[in-house]
Amino acid sequence: MQQIFIELYDYRPAWANCSEGARTHFAKKVVEAVKGLKSAGVDVVGYGMNGPQTDHRAPYDFFCVYRVPNVEVRLPLRIGC
């Protein structure tokens, strides 16, 4: 059964200490990982920043919404700075 998966992200303290080059490298890894999601049957529905002024704001900085083909699908996107 198709599922909607919502992932919430925060800036980690280590992110503030990353160089611009390390952040760019991280972003490139994310782009490559997202390309692989499609082959697993995962669609990225949307993503964005969760601004401080958001009404009924969850305590996270970013979000991503995925449509996954079934509950068994996992998103092991664990790449750090």
Protein backbone atom coordinates (compact mmCIF):
# COMPACT_ATOMS: atom_id res chain seq x y z
CA MET A 1 0.00 0.00 0.00
CA GLN A 2 1.33 3.40 -0.98
CA GLN A 3 2.49 5.59 1.93
CA ILE A 4 3.28 9.26 2.48
CA PHE A 5 6.48 9.79 4.45
CA ILE A 6 7.29 13.16 6.03
CA GLU A 7 10.82 13.74 7.22
CA LEU A 8 11.75 16.66 9.47
CA TYR A 9 15.29 18.03 9.74
CA ASP A 10 17.20 20.40 11.99
CA TYR A 11 20.49 22.16 11.53
CA ARG A 12 23.04 20.23 13.57
CA PRO A 13 25.61 22.13 15.59
CA ALA A 14 28.35 20.62 13.40
CA TRP A 15 26.80 22.29 10.34
CA ALA A 16 27.79 25.72 11.67
CA ASN A 17 31.41 24.52 11.85
CA CYS A 18 31.48 23.12 8.31
CA SER A 19 33.42 24.97 5.66
CA GLU A 20 31.66 26.15 2.53
CA GLY A 21 33.41 23.38 0.62
CA ALA A 22 32.15 20.73 3.05
CA ARG A 23 28.61 22.09 2.76
CA THR A 24 28.82 22.00 -1.04
CA HIS A 25 30.11 18.42 -0.91
CA PHE A 26 27.22 17.47 1.38
CA ALA A 27 24.66 19.09 -0.95
CA LYS A 28 26.09 17.17 -3.93
CA LYS A 29 25.76 13.90 -2.00
CA VAL A 30 22.13 14.71 -1.21
CA VAL A 31 21.38 15.42 -4.87
CA GLU A 32 22.90 12.08 -5.89
CA ALA A 33 21.00 10.22 -3.16
CA VAL A 34 17.71 11.80 -4.23
CA LYS A 35 18.30 10.64 -7.82
CA GLY A 36 18.45 7.08 -6.51
CA LEU A 37 15.08 7.39 -4.78
CA LYS A 38 13.18 7.36 -8.07
CA SER A 39 14.59 3.96 -8.98
CA ALA A 40 13.25 2.64 -5.65
CA GLY A 41 9.77 3.89 -6.53
CA VAL A 42 9.95 6.94 -4.27
CA ASP A 43 8.61 10.30 -5.43
CA VAL A 44 9.65 13.54 -3.74
CA VAL A 45 6.36 15.41 -3.37
CA GLY A 46 7.83 18.56 -1.87
CA TYR A 47 10.41 20.05 0.45
CA GLY A 48 11.21 23.37 2.03
CA MET A 49 12.31 25.46 4.96
CA ASN A 50 10.17 25.77 8.06
CA GLY A 51 10.43 29.47 8.82
CA PRO A 52 10.18 30.78 12.39
CA GLN A 53 6.97 32.65 11.49
CA THR A 54 5.16 29.49 10.27
CA ASP A 55 1.74 29.14 11.87
CA HIS A 56 1.59 26.08 14.17
CA ARG A 57 5.28 25.49 13.48
CA ALA A 58 6.82 22.11 14.29
CA PRO A 59 10.21 22.54 15.99
CA TYR A 60 12.26 21.69 12.87
CA ASP A 61 14.13 23.76 10.28
CA PHE A 62 13.35 21.78 7.10
CA PHE A 63 10.92 19.17 5.84
CA CYS A 64 10.54 16.78 2.93
CA VAL A 65 7.45 14.85 1.83
CA TYR A 66 7.87 11.56 -0.06
CA ARG A 67 5.40 9.16 -1.65
CA VAL A 68 6.71 5.63 -1.12
CA PRO A 69 5.34 2.46 -2.75
CA ASN A 70 4.92 0.57 0.55
CA VAL A 71 5.77 0.65 4.23
CA GLU A 72 8.80 -1.61 3.73
CA VAL A 73 10.65 1.09 1.82
CA ARG A 74 13.24 2.79 3.97
CA LEU A 75 15.08 6.03 3.21
CA PRO A 76 18.60 5.52 4.55
CA LEU A 77 19.77 9.01 3.65
CA ARG A 78 22.37 9.35 6.36
CA ILE A 79 25.07 11.64 5.05
CA GLY A 80 26.68 14.12 7.38
CA CYS A 81 28.95 17.06 7.16
